[in-house]
Amino acid sequence: MVAEVASQGLLIMPSIVLGVIIGFIELIFVHSDEAGMGWFKHGLHALPFAVLFVFANMNIQFVLDFFGLNLPFNPIFLHLGVGLIAFIKIQGAAAIAGRTGERIWHTLVIALLVVASPYIWQYLGSYLPSYLQ
């Protein structure tokens, strides 16, 4: 399943599409968690990071080659690792921003969406126009 996605080469446009969708979901979560406290500025940086994490997950072999890593793990463990990094980053950004922070379950939903992004694209990508693929 993941091998099919990986054999297509770099998935740039799918990473952007899913990353922006996940970033907007995170923006909505940040608004509900920090309404009236500069949530837009805090949440806006979520978009590029969401795209970055989704790109890393959808192009895991490229990322491994880029960093010169040769890990013999099952791809799902690598996807989970990227999701864990996303989780830590989101909670860290919320902690740095101070105030109320982001709820754990909101962060968990975003991290799980990042982990699932290659699989989501595999099933939903065929329904989208060709210029998005």
C-alpha atoms as a PDB file:
ATOM      1  CA  MET A   1       0.000   0.000   0.000  1.00  0.00           C
ATOM      2  CA  VAL A   2       2.672   2.538   1.011  1.00  0.00           C
ATOM      3  CA  ALA A   3       4.978   1.133  -1.663  1.00  0.00           C
ATOM      4  CA  GLU A   4       2.442   2.157  -4.306  1.00  0.00           C
ATOM      5  CA  VAL A   5       2.425   5.722  -3.020  1.00  0.00           C
ATOM      6  CA  ALA A   6       6.213   5.809  -2.681  1.00  0.00           C
ATOM      7  CA  SER A   7       6.765   4.488  -6.203  1.00  0.00           C
ATOM      8  CA  GLN A   8       5.013   7.532  -7.690  1.00  0.00           C
ATOM      9  CA  GLY A   9       7.993   9.793  -7.039  1.00  0.00           C
ATOM     10  CA  LEU A  10       7.830  12.958  -4.962  1.00  0.00           C
ATOM     11  CA  LEU A  11       4.302  13.833  -3.959  1.00  0.00           C
ATOM     12  CA  ILE A  12       4.482  17.608  -3.799  1.00  0.00           C
ATOM     13  CA  MET A  13       0.989  18.795  -4.720  1.00  0.00           C
ATOM     14  CA  PRO A  14      -0.734  16.122  -2.578  1.00  0.00           C
ATOM     15  CA  SER A  15       1.452  17.198   0.351  1.00  0.00           C
ATOM     16  CA  ILE A  16       0.434  20.804  -0.124  1.00  0.00           C
ATOM     17  CA  VAL A  17      -3.270  19.969  -0.488  1.00  0.00           C
ATOM     18  CA  LEU A  18      -3.470  17.706   2.580  1.00  0.00           C
ATOM     19  CA  GLY A  19      -1.054  19.884   4.547  1.00  0.00           C
ATOM     20  CA  VAL A  20      -3.193  22.978   3.990  1.00  0.00           C
ATOM     21  CA  ILE A  21      -6.347  21.073   4.953  1.00  0.00           C
ATOM     22  CA  ILE A  22      -4.723  19.755   8.136  1.00  0.00           C
ATOM     23  CA  GLY A  23      -3.255  23.204   8.831  1.00  0.00           C
ATOM     24  CA  PHE A  24      -6.703  24.789   8.604  1.00  0.00           C
ATOM     25  CA  ILE A  25      -8.110  22.142  10.934  1.00  0.00           C
ATOM     26  CA  GLU A  26      -5.351  23.026  13.383  1.00  0.00           C
ATOM     27  CA  LEU A  27      -6.158  26.717  12.918  1.00  0.00           C
ATOM     28  CA  ILE A  28      -9.769  25.975  13.877  1.00  0.00           C
ATOM     29  CA  PHE A  29      -8.591  24.061  16.946  1.00  0.00           C
ATOM     30  CA  VAL A  30      -6.281  26.911  17.967  1.00  0.00           C
ATOM     31  CA  HIS A  31      -9.159  29.377  17.599  1.00  0.00           C
ATOM     32  CA  SER A  32     -11.382  27.293  19.866  1.00  0.00           C
ATOM     33  CA  ASP A  33      -8.592  26.845  22.426  1.00  0.00           C
ATOM     34  CA  GLU A  34      -7.263  30.407  22.440  1.00  0.00           C
ATOM     35  CA  ALA A  35     -10.148  32.552  21.216  1.00  0.00           C
ATOM     36  CA  GLY A  36      -9.522  36.273  21.619  1.00  0.00           C
ATOM     37  CA  MET A  37      -5.875  35.859  22.570  1.00  0.00           C
ATOM     38  CA  GLY A  38      -3.968  36.302  19.321  1.00  0.00           C
ATOM     39  CA  TRP A  39      -5.022  32.868  18.079  1.00  0.00           C
ATOM     40  CA  PHE A  40      -4.672  33.824  14.415  1.00  0.00           C
ATOM     41  CA  LYS A  41      -0.995  34.798  14.705  1.00  0.00           C
ATOM     42  CA  HIS A  42      -0.270  31.715  16.782  1.00  0.00           C
ATOM     43  CA  GLY A  43      -2.250  29.406  14.518  1.00  0.00           C
ATOM     44  CA  LEU A  44      -1.064  30.810  11.203  1.00  0.00           C
ATOM     45  CA  HIS A  45       2.373  29.276  11.561  1.00  0.00           C
ATOM     46  CA  ALA A  46       0.618  25.890  11.693  1.00  0.00           C
ATOM     47  CA  LEU A  47       0.003  25.878   7.934  1.00  0.00           C
ATOM     48  CA  PRO A  48       3.615  25.614   6.712  1.00  0.00           C
ATOM     49  CA  PHE A  49       4.487  23.140   9.452  1.00  0.00           C
ATOM     50  CA  ALA A  50       1.485  20.968   8.564  1.00  0.00           C
ATOM     51  CA  VAL A  51       2.590  20.965   4.923  1.00  0.00           C
ATOM     52  CA  LEU A  52       6.148  20.097   6.007  1.00  0.00           C
ATOM     53  CA  PHE A  53       5.051  17.188   8.206  1.00  0.00           C
ATOM     54  CA  VAL A  54       2.661  15.843   5.559  1.00  0.00           C
ATOM     55  CA  PHE A  55       5.394  16.160   2.912  1.00  0.00           C
ATOM     56  CA  ALA A  56       7.773  14.215   5.149  1.00  0.00           C
ATOM     57  CA  ASN A  57       5.203  11.477   5.707  1.00  0.00           C
ATOM     58  CA  MET A  58       4.141  11.201   2.080  1.00  0.00           C
ATOM     59  CA  ASN A  59       7.762  11.183   0.856  1.00  0.00           C
ATOM     60  CA  ILE A  60       9.366   9.236   3.681  1.00  0.00           C
ATOM     61  CA  GLN A  61      12.041   7.586   1.520  1.00  0.00           C
ATOM     62  CA  PHE A  62      13.086  10.947   0.080  1.00  0.00           C
ATOM     63  CA  VAL A  63      13.425  12.358   3.601  1.00  0.00           C
ATOM     64  CA  LEU A  64      15.482   9.373   4.731  1.00  0.00           C
ATOM     65  CA  ASP A  65      17.755   9.692   1.683  1.00  0.00           C
ATOM     66  CA  PHE A  66      18.040  13.461   2.207  1.00  0.00           C
ATOM     67  CA  PHE A  67      19.366  12.961   5.730  1.00  0.00           C
ATOM     68  CA  GLY A  68      21.477   9.962   4.714  1.00  0.00           C
ATOM     69  CA  LEU A  69      19.547   7.554   6.927  1.00  0.00           C
ATOM     70  CA  ASN A  70      19.082   3.898   6.128  1.00  0.00           C
ATOM     71  CA  LEU A  71      16.434   2.697   8.554  1.00  0.00           C
ATOM     72  CA  PRO A  72      15.110  -0.840   8.083  1.00  0.00           C
ATOM     73  CA  PHE A  73      11.808  -0.084   9.832  1.00  0.00           C
ATOM     74  CA  ASN A  74       8.330  -0.697   8.556  1.00  0.00           C
ATOM     75  CA  PRO A  75       7.042   2.565   7.017  1.00  0.00           C
ATOM     76  CA  ILE A  76       4.176   2.779   9.512  1.00  0.00           C
ATOM     77  CA  PHE A  77       6.706   3.204  12.331  1.00  0.00           C
ATOM     78  CA  LEU A  78       8.376   6.018  10.408  1.00  0.00           C
ATOM     79  CA  HIS A  79       4.967   7.644   9.843  1.00  0.00           C
ATOM     80  CA  LEU A  80       4.266   7.339  13.563  1.00  0.00           C
ATOM     81  CA  GLY A  81       7.645   8.936  14.283  1.00  0.00           C
ATOM     82  CA  VAL A  82       6.804  11.944  12.118  1.00  0.00           C
ATOM     83  CA  GLY A  83       3.417  12.137  13.858  1.00  0.00           C
ATOM     84  CA  LEU A  84       5.153  12.100  17.248  1.00  0.00           C
ATOM     85  CA  ILE A  85       7.460  14.916  16.137  1.00  0.00           C
ATOM     86  CA  ALA A  86       4.388  16.867  14.941  1.00  0.00           C
ATOM     87  CA  PHE A  87       2.686  16.260  18.299  1.00  0.00           C
ATOM     88  CA  ILE A  88       5.719  17.507  20.228  1.00  0.00           C
ATOM     89  CA  LYS A  89       6.066  20.551  17.961  1.00  0.00           C
ATOM     90  CA  ILE A  90       2.406  21.548  18.327  1.00  0.00           C
ATOM     91  CA  GLN A  91       2.434  21.147  22.113  1.00  0.00           C
ATOM     92  CA  GLY A  92       5.751  22.987  22.297  1.00  0.00           C
ATOM     93  CA  ALA A  93       4.414  25.900  20.264  1.00  0.00           C
ATOM     94  CA  ALA A  94       1.341  26.034  22.489  1.00  0.00           C
ATOM     95  CA  ALA A  95       3.550  26.032  25.594  1.00  0.00           C
ATOM     96  CA  ILE A  96       5.757  28.802  24.227  1.00  0.00           C
ATOM     97  CA  ALA A  97       2.706  30.882  23.331  1.00  0.00           C
ATOM     98  CA  GLY A  98       1.645  30.484  26.955  1.00  0.00           C
ATOM     99  CA  ARG A  99      -1.823  31.397  28.088  1.00  0.00           C
ATOM    100  CA  THR A 100      -4.235  28.482  27.759  1.00  0.00           C
ATOM    101  CA  GLY A 101      -2.397  26.344  25.226  1.00  0.00           C
ATOM    102  CA  GLU A 102      -3.856  23.761  22.924  1.00  0.00           C
ATOM    103  CA  ARG A 103      -5.893  20.842  24.212  1.00  0.00           C
ATOM    104  CA  ILE A 104      -4.146  17.472  24.085  1.00  0.00           C
ATOM    105  CA  TRP A 105      -6.900  15.799  22.083  1.00  0.00           C
ATOM    106  CA  HIS A 106      -6.751  18.571  19.447  1.00  0.00           C
ATOM    107  CA  THR A 107      -3.030  17.966  19.089  1.00  0.00           C
ATOM    108  CA  LEU A 108      -3.579  14.218  18.949  1.00  0.00           C
ATOM    109  CA  VAL A 109      -6.132  14.592  16.137  1.00  0.00           C
ATOM    110  CA  ILE A 110      -3.685  16.687  14.089  1.00  0.00           C
ATOM    111  CA  ALA A 111      -0.816  14.253  14.711  1.00  0.00           C
ATOM    112  CA  LEU A 112      -2.997  11.302  13.692  1.00  0.00           C
ATOM    113  CA  LEU A 113      -4.069  13.124  10.523  1.00  0.00           C
ATOM    114  CA  VAL A 114      -0.383  13.673   9.708  1.00  0.00           C
ATOM    115  CA  VAL A 115       0.309   9.969  10.296  1.00  0.00           C
ATOM    116  CA  ALA A 116      -2.661   8.954   8.136  1.00  0.00           C
ATOM    117  CA  SER A 117      -1.965  11.440   5.324  1.00  0.00           C
ATOM    118  CA  PRO A 118      -0.316   8.961   2.896  1.00  0.00           C
ATOM    119  CA  TYR A 119      -3.170   6.533   3.373  1.00  0.00           C
ATOM    120  CA  ILE A 120      -5.826   9.239   3.109  1.00  0.00           C
ATOM    121  CA  TRP A 121      -4.282  10.425  -0.143  1.00  0.00           C
ATOM    122  CA  GLN A 122      -4.103   6.906  -1.522  1.00  0.00           C
ATOM    123  CA  TYR A 123      -7.859   6.473  -1.126  1.00  0.00           C
ATOM    124  CA  LEU A 124      -9.132  10.001  -1.738  1.00  0.00           C
ATOM    125  CA  GLY A 125      -6.560  11.282  -4.225  1.00  0.00           C
ATOM    126  CA  SER A 126      -8.074   9.409  -7.149  1.00  0.00           C
ATOM    127  CA  TYR A 127     -11.300  11.408  -6.741  1.00  0.00           C
ATOM    128  CA  LEU A 128      -9.567  14.760  -7.152  1.00  0.00           C
ATOM    129  CA  PRO A 129      -8.759  16.516 -10.431  1.00  0.00           C
ATOM    130  CA  SER A 130      -5.517  15.512 -12.131  1.00  0.00           C
ATOM    131  CA  TYR A 131      -3.827  18.883 -11.535  1.00  0.00           C
ATOM    132  CA  LEU A 132      -3.969  18.207  -7.785  1.00  0.00           C
ATOM    133  CA  GLN A 133      -2.197  14.881  -8.171  1.00  0.00           C
END
